[in-house]
Amino acid sequence: MAKSRAASRKKPNAIVRFFRETVAELKKVNWPTRQEATQLTVIVLLVVIAMSTLLGVLDYLFSRLFGFIVGLG
């Protein structure tokens, strides 16, 4: 009789268990408000624009510098 109980208590499917655990974890997440998400997105975009501008200017200056050095040789 012990075997019949064990047979009736199957483990849940691994995929089903994965999705159940995923949903449970997502319910624990402290999601940002729309305003917080918007503010953080603007900050990220500004930093990306500033850094790409800085790297572009540095690239231009170094290419001109190396061009000048190679041109003299």
N, C-alpha and C. Protein backbone atom coordinates (compact mmCIF):
# COMPACT_ATOMS: atom_id res chain seq x y z
N MET A 1 0.81 -1.18 0.00
CA MET A 1 0.00 0.00 0.00
C MET A 1 0.87 1.27 0.00
N ALA A 2 2.03 1.19 0.58
CA ALA A 2 2.93 2.34 0.62
C ALA A 2 3.38 2.71 -0.79
N LYS A 3 3.52 1.70 -1.64
CA LYS A 3 3.94 2.00 -3.00
C LYS A 3 2.86 2.73 -3.77
N SER A 4 1.62 2.41 -3.55
CA SER A 4 0.54 3.07 -4.28
C SER A 4 0.44 4.54 -3.88
N ARG A 5 0.70 4.87 -2.61
CA ARG A 5 0.70 6.28 -2.20
C ARG A 5 1.85 7.02 -2.85
N ALA A 6 3.01 6.39 -2.88
CA ALA A 6 4.18 7.03 -3.49
C ALA A 6 3.96 7.23 -4.98
N ALA A 7 3.31 6.27 -5.60
CA ALA A 7 3.06 6.39 -7.04
C ALA A 7 2.05 7.49 -7.33
N SER A 8 1.10 7.70 -6.44
CA SER A 8 0.09 8.73 -6.69
C SER A 8 0.64 10.13 -6.42
N ARG A 9 1.68 10.24 -5.61
CA ARG A 9 2.30 11.54 -5.33
C ARG A 9 3.50 11.74 -6.25
N LYS A 10 3.24 12.13 -7.46
CA LYS A 10 4.32 12.38 -8.42
C LYS A 10 4.93 13.75 -8.17
N LYS A 11 6.17 13.88 -8.54
CA LYS A 11 6.78 15.19 -8.51
C LYS A 11 6.17 16.01 -9.64
N PRO A 12 6.00 17.31 -9.42
CA PRO A 12 5.48 18.13 -10.52
C PRO A 12 6.50 18.18 -11.65
N ASN A 13 6.00 18.38 -12.81
CA ASN A 13 6.85 18.51 -13.99
C ASN A 13 7.88 19.63 -13.75
N ALA A 14 9.10 19.43 -14.21
CA ALA A 14 10.17 20.41 -13.98
C ALA A 14 9.83 21.76 -14.61
N ILE A 15 9.23 21.75 -15.76
CA ILE A 15 8.88 23.01 -16.44
C ILE A 15 7.80 23.74 -15.66
N VAL A 16 6.79 23.00 -15.21
CA VAL A 16 5.70 23.60 -14.43
C VAL A 16 6.26 24.18 -13.14
N ARG A 17 7.14 23.43 -12.48
CA ARG A 17 7.75 23.91 -11.25
C ARG A 17 8.57 25.17 -11.49
N PHE A 18 9.30 25.19 -12.59
CA PHE A 18 10.11 26.36 -12.93
C PHE A 18 9.23 27.60 -13.05
N PHE A 19 8.12 27.49 -13.79
CA PHE A 19 7.25 28.65 -13.99
C PHE A 19 6.56 29.06 -12.69
N ARG A 20 6.18 28.11 -11.86
CA ARG A 20 5.57 28.46 -10.58
C ARG A 20 6.55 29.20 -9.69
N GLU A 21 7.79 28.73 -9.64
CA GLU A 21 8.80 29.39 -8.83
C GLU A 21 9.14 30.77 -9.40
N THR A 22 9.15 30.89 -10.72
CA THR A 22 9.44 32.17 -11.35
C THR A 22 8.36 33.19 -11.00
N VAL A 23 7.11 32.79 -11.09
CA VAL A 23 6.01 33.69 -10.74
C VAL A 23 6.10 34.09 -9.27
N ALA A 24 6.43 33.14 -8.41
CA ALA A 24 6.55 33.43 -6.98
C ALA A 24 7.67 34.45 -6.73
N GLU A 25 8.78 34.31 -7.42
CA GLU A 25 9.89 35.26 -7.25
C GLU A 25 9.52 36.64 -7.79
N LEU A 26 8.81 36.68 -8.91
CA LEU A 26 8.43 37.97 -9.49
C LEU A 26 7.45 38.72 -8.59
N LYS A 27 6.68 38.00 -7.81
CA LYS A 27 5.76 38.65 -6.87
C LYS A 27 6.52 39.31 -5.73
N LYS A 28 7.74 38.85 -5.45
CA LYS A 28 8.55 39.41 -4.37
C LYS A 28 9.29 40.68 -4.80
N VAL A 29 9.37 40.94 -6.09
CA VAL A 29 10.15 42.06 -6.61
C VAL A 29 9.48 43.38 -6.24
N ASN A 30 10.29 44.34 -5.83
CA ASN A 30 9.81 45.68 -5.53
C ASN A 30 9.91 46.50 -6.83
N TRP A 31 8.83 46.55 -7.60
CA TRP A 31 8.84 47.20 -8.90
C TRP A 31 8.84 48.71 -8.73
N PRO A 32 9.60 49.44 -9.58
CA PRO A 32 9.59 50.91 -9.49
C PRO A 32 8.27 51.47 -10.03
N THR A 33 7.95 52.66 -9.57
CA THR A 33 6.76 53.33 -10.10
C THR A 33 7.08 53.82 -11.51
N ARG A 34 6.04 54.25 -12.21
CA ARG A 34 6.25 54.76 -13.57
C ARG A 34 7.16 55.98 -13.55
N GLN A 35 6.98 56.85 -12.55
CA GLN A 35 7.79 58.05 -12.45
C GLN A 35 9.26 57.69 -12.20
N GLU A 36 9.52 56.75 -11.30
CA GLU A 36 10.89 56.33 -11.03
C GLU A 36 11.53 55.71 -12.26
N ALA A 37 10.78 54.89 -12.97
CA ALA A 37 11.32 54.26 -14.18
C ALA A 37 11.65 55.30 -15.24
N THR A 38 10.79 56.29 -15.38
CA THR A 38 11.03 57.36 -16.36
C THR A 38 12.27 58.16 -15.99
N GLN A 39 12.38 58.52 -14.71
CA GLN A 39 13.55 59.29 -14.27
C GLN A 39 14.84 58.52 -14.48
N LEU A 40 14.84 57.25 -14.15
CA LEU A 40 16.05 56.44 -14.32
C LEU A 40 16.39 56.27 -15.80
N THR A 41 15.38 56.14 -16.64
CA THR A 41 15.62 56.02 -18.08
C THR A 41 16.25 57.29 -18.63
N VAL A 42 15.77 58.45 -18.19
CA VAL A 42 16.33 59.73 -18.64
C VAL A 42 17.78 59.85 -18.18
N ILE A 43 18.06 59.45 -16.96
CA ILE A 43 19.44 59.52 -16.45
C ILE A 43 20.36 58.62 -17.29
N VAL A 44 19.91 57.42 -17.59
CA VAL A 44 20.73 56.50 -18.40
C VAL A 44 20.98 57.09 -19.78
N LEU A 45 19.95 57.64 -20.40
CA LEU A 45 20.12 58.22 -21.74
C LEU A 45 21.09 59.40 -21.71
N LEU A 46 20.99 60.24 -20.70
CA LEU A 46 21.91 61.38 -20.60
C LEU A 46 23.35 60.93 -20.41
N VAL A 47 23.57 59.94 -19.59
CA VAL A 47 24.93 59.43 -19.37
C VAL A 47 25.47 58.80 -20.65
N VAL A 48 24.64 58.05 -21.36
CA VAL A 48 25.08 57.43 -22.61
C VAL A 48 25.44 58.50 -23.64
N ILE A 49 24.63 59.53 -23.75
CA ILE A 49 24.91 60.61 -24.71
C ILE A 49 26.20 61.34 -24.32
N ALA A 50 26.36 61.63 -23.03
CA ALA A 50 27.57 62.34 -22.58
C ALA A 50 28.82 61.50 -22.83
N MET A 51 28.76 60.22 -22.49
CA MET A 51 29.94 59.38 -22.66
C MET A 51 30.26 59.15 -24.14
N SER A 52 29.25 59.00 -24.98
CA SER A 52 29.52 58.80 -26.41
C SER A 52 30.10 60.08 -27.01
N THR A 53 29.64 61.23 -26.56
CA THR A 53 30.22 62.50 -27.04
C THR A 53 31.68 62.62 -26.60
N LEU A 54 31.93 62.31 -25.33
CA LEU A 54 33.31 62.38 -24.83
C LEU A 54 34.23 61.42 -25.60
N LEU A 55 33.78 60.20 -25.79
CA LEU A 55 34.61 59.23 -26.51
C LEU A 55 34.79 59.63 -27.98
N GLY A 56 33.77 60.21 -28.58
CA GLY A 56 33.89 60.68 -29.97
C GLY A 56 34.91 61.79 -30.10
N VAL A 57 34.87 62.74 -29.15
CA VAL A 57 35.84 63.84 -29.17
C VAL A 57 37.26 63.33 -28.94
N LEU A 58 37.42 62.42 -27.97
CA LEU A 58 38.75 61.85 -27.73
C LEU A 58 39.25 61.07 -28.95
N ASP A 59 38.38 60.32 -29.58
CA ASP A 59 38.77 59.57 -30.78
C ASP A 59 39.22 60.52 -31.88
N TYR A 60 38.47 61.59 -32.07
CA TYR A 60 38.84 62.58 -33.10
C TYR A 60 40.20 63.20 -32.78
N LEU A 61 40.39 63.60 -31.52
CA LEU A 61 41.66 64.25 -31.14
C LEU A 61 42.85 63.30 -31.29
N PHE A 62 42.69 62.07 -30.84
CA PHE A 62 43.80 61.11 -30.96
C PHE A 62 44.08 60.75 -32.41
N SER A 63 43.05 60.65 -33.23
CA SER A 63 43.30 60.34 -34.64
C SER A 63 44.03 61.49 -35.33
N ARG A 64 43.66 62.72 -34.98
CA ARG A 64 44.38 63.88 -35.54
C ARG A 64 45.83 63.90 -35.03
N LEU A 65 46.02 63.59 -33.74
CA LEU A 65 47.36 63.58 -33.16
C LEU A 65 48.23 62.53 -33.84
N PHE A 66 47.73 61.33 -33.97
CA PHE A 66 48.51 60.27 -34.61
C PHE A 66 48.73 60.56 -36.09
N GLY A 67 47.77 61.15 -36.72
CA GLY A 67 47.95 61.56 -38.12
C GLY A 67 49.05 62.60 -38.24
N PHE A 68 49.12 63.52 -37.33
CA PHE A 68 50.15 64.54 -37.32
C PHE A 68 51.53 63.92 -37.09
N ILE A 69 51.59 62.97 -36.12
CA ILE A 69 52.86 62.29 -35.81
C ILE A 69 53.35 61.48 -37.00
N VAL A 70 52.45 60.71 -37.61
CA VAL A 70 52.84 59.88 -38.75
C VAL A 70 53.17 60.76 -39.96
N GLY A 71 52.50 61.87 -40.11
CA GLY A 71 52.77 62.79 -41.23
C GLY A 71 54.14 63.41 -41.15
N LEU A 72 54.66 63.60 -39.93
CA LEU A 72 55.99 64.20 -39.79
C LEU A 72 57.10 63.22 -40.15
N GLY A 73 56.84 61.90 -39.95
CA GLY A 73 57.87 60.90 -40.16
C GLY A 73 58.11 60.65 -41.58
